[in-house]
Protein backbone atom coordinates (compact mmCIF):
# COMPACT_ATOMS: atom_id res chain seq x y z
CA MET A 1 -37.72 -11.74 21.52
CA THR A 2 -35.94 -8.72 23.00
CA GLY A 3 -33.95 -10.99 25.34
CA VAL A 4 -32.70 -13.12 22.44
CA SER A 5 -31.73 -10.17 20.25
CA SER A 6 -30.06 -8.51 23.23
CA ALA A 7 -28.03 -11.65 23.96
CA ILE A 8 -27.00 -11.95 20.30
CA SER A 9 -26.05 -8.28 20.21
CA GLU A 10 -23.93 -8.61 23.37
CA TYR A 11 -22.21 -11.70 21.94
CA PHE A 12 -21.31 -10.02 18.65
CA GLN A 13 -20.25 -6.81 20.41
CA SER A 14 -17.81 -8.70 22.64
CA VAL A 15 -16.44 -10.80 19.77
CA CYS A 16 -16.51 -8.31 16.88
CA GLY A 17 -16.43 -4.95 18.68
CA PRO A 18 -12.70 -4.61 19.38
CA THR A 19 -11.68 -4.98 15.74
CA GLN A 20 -10.83 -1.29 15.41
CA PHE A 21 -7.13 -0.62 16.00
CA ILE A 22 -6.40 1.15 19.28
CA GLY A 23 -3.29 3.33 19.44
CA GLU A 24 -0.70 4.07 16.78
CA ILE A 25 1.69 1.84 14.90
CA ASP A 26 5.28 2.11 16.10
CA ASP A 27 8.16 3.22 13.89
CA GLY A 28 9.76 0.53 11.79
CA THR A 29 11.42 -0.67 8.62
CA ASP A 30 10.40 -4.32 8.86
CA PRO A 31 7.89 -5.19 6.10
CA ASN A 32 5.57 -6.61 8.77
CA THR A 33 5.28 -3.18 10.41
CA LEU A 34 2.62 -2.18 7.86
CA GLY A 35 1.86 -5.64 6.47
CA LEU A 36 3.83 -5.11 3.24
CA ASN A 37 3.04 -7.99 0.92
CA THR A 38 4.02 -8.64 -2.70
CA ILE A 39 2.47 -10.93 -5.28
CA LYS A 40 4.66 -12.29 -8.08
CA LYS A 41 8.22 -11.03 -8.62
CA ALA A 42 7.48 -7.55 -9.93
CA PHE A 43 7.93 -5.79 -6.55
CA GLN A 44 10.15 -8.33 -4.78
CA ASN A 45 12.81 -6.80 -2.45
CA SER A 46 10.85 -3.57 -2.00
CA THR A 47 11.51 -1.81 1.32
CA MET A 48 9.66 0.67 3.51
CA SER A 49 10.15 2.96 6.45
CA TRP A 50 7.42 4.31 8.75
CA THR A 51 7.66 6.89 11.53
CA LYS A 52 4.63 8.06 13.49
CA LYS A 53 6.22 11.51 14.02
CA GLY A 54 6.83 13.32 10.77
CA ASP A 55 5.87 15.72 8.01
CA GLY A 56 2.78 13.75 6.93
CA GLN A 57 4.25 12.69 3.60
CA VAL A 58 3.82 9.39 1.80
CA ILE A 59 6.66 9.01 -0.70
CA ILE A 60 6.97 6.14 -3.15
CA ASN A 61 10.29 5.80 -4.98
CA PHE A 62 9.81 3.54 -7.98
CA ILE A 63 13.21 2.05 -8.82
CA SER A 64 13.20 0.12 -12.09
CA THR A 65 15.61 -2.66 -12.92
CA ASP A 66 13.25 -3.77 -15.68
CA THR A 67 14.22 -3.81 -19.34
CA LYS A 68 10.91 -2.33 -20.52
CA LYS A 69 8.66 0.59 -19.60
CA VAL A 70 5.95 -0.33 -17.12
CA THR A 71 2.85 1.35 -15.73
CA VAL A 72 1.96 1.23 -12.05
CA ASN A 73 -1.63 1.81 -10.95
CA ILE A 74 -1.84 3.30 -7.46
CA MET A 75 -4.96 2.45 -5.48
CA SER A 76 -6.04 3.52 -2.00
CA GLY A 77 -8.95 1.94 -0.18
CA GLY A 78 -9.98 0.17 -3.38
CA ASP A 79 -10.10 3.32 -5.54
CA LYS A 80 -7.60 4.10 -8.27
CA ILE A 81 -5.99 7.43 -7.39
CA ASP A 82 -3.13 7.67 -9.89
CA GLU A 83 -1.10 5.97 -12.59
CA VAL A 84 2.67 6.26 -12.96
CA ASP A 85 4.75 5.38 -16.02
CA VAL A 86 8.29 4.21 -15.22
CA ALA A 87 10.84 3.86 -18.02
CA ALA A 88 13.28 0.94 -18.06
CA GLY A 89 16.08 1.56 -15.56
CA ALA A 90 14.54 4.82 -14.31
CA LYS A 91 13.69 6.16 -10.87
CA VAL A 92 10.38 8.00 -10.43
CA THR A 93 9.08 9.54 -7.20
CA TRP A 94 5.37 9.83 -6.37
CA LYS A 95 4.10 11.80 -3.37
CA SER A 96 0.91 12.06 -1.36
CA ASN A 97 0.13 12.47 2.33
CA VAL A 98 -0.98 10.52 5.38
CA THR A 99 -4.15 12.64 5.66
CA ALA A 100 -5.39 11.40 2.26
CA LEU A 101 -4.16 7.80 2.50
CA GLY A 102 -4.25 7.07 6.24
CA GLY A 103 -6.48 4.30 7.52
CA LYS A 104 -6.57 2.58 4.13
CA THR A 105 -4.77 -0.09 2.18
CA LEU A 106 -2.31 1.19 -0.42
CA TYR A 107 -2.14 -1.13 -3.42
CA LEU A 108 0.30 -0.93 -6.34
CA ASP A 109 -0.40 -2.92 -9.50
CA ARG A 110 2.27 -3.13 -12.21
CA TRP A 111 1.68 -4.04 -15.84
CA ARG A 112 3.20 -3.68 -19.30
CA LEU A 113 1.59 -2.90 -22.60
CA GLY A 114 1.13 -6.01 -24.67
CA PHE A 115 -0.11 -6.76 -28.16
CA LEU A 116 -2.26 -3.91 -29.60
CA GLY A 117 -1.62 -1.78 -26.50
CA LEU A 118 -3.59 -4.10 -24.23
CA PRO A 119 -2.29 -4.93 -20.76
CA GLY A 120 0.24 -7.70 -21.19
CA THR A 121 2.72 -9.68 -19.15
CA GLY A 122 5.03 -8.61 -16.35
CA GLY A 123 2.34 -7.95 -13.80
CA GLY A 124 2.59 -8.06 -10.06
CA SER A 125 1.37 -6.19 -7.03
CA LEU A 126 2.37 -4.74 -3.69
CA MET A 127 0.07 -3.96 -0.80
CA LEU A 128 0.51 -2.32 2.60
CA TRP A 129 -1.45 -0.47 5.26
CA VAL A 130 -1.10 3.29 5.66
CA PRO A 131 -1.88 4.11 9.30
CA HIS A 132 -3.34 7.28 10.79
CA ALA A 133 -0.79 9.39 12.67
CA ALA A 134 -1.62 12.05 15.26
CA GLN A 135 1.93 13.44 14.97
CA GLY A 136 2.00 13.64 11.18
CA GLY A 137 3.66 10.36 10.28
CA HIS A 138 6.03 9.70 7.39
CA LEU A 139 6.00 6.71 5.05
CA GLU A 140 8.70 6.08 2.49
CA LEU A 141 8.38 3.09 0.18
CA ASN A 142 11.16 2.00 -2.17
CA ALA A 143 9.20 0.02 -4.74
CA LYS A 144 11.53 -2.15 -6.80
CA LEU A 145 10.29 -2.81 -10.32
CA ASN A 146 12.01 -6.04 -11.30
CA VAL A 147 12.20 -7.91 -14.57
CA SER A 148 9.48 -10.55 -14.51
């Protein structure tokens, strides 16, 4: 039995073992650099910039072109960490750091109040990876809040 379990272990180690990222992500502004992905039109045309050398800040600039106030839930690694209200046509800046968010997925979920104050229409989401950075790192995300 030991031979079989050893063979299975070696197989899975060679296939599944190297899934951890080795090295650091290079600087870039292309959305694919950190896997930036949007769902629905709420965050369409959002942009980002990542540098592996930096002050360790994660800055999100919410830029609204919407006609109504919206709320954006900010989640990291599956946990809600903050909520930001953005008035119609306003710009709001939210800050954190690579130490707190690094190595996790950053997820933004936008919604509007609907009937009786319940979440209504105009939803959408944005997701990207926040990498670890030995030299501090700096991530700036310009999150467009569009009419949808």
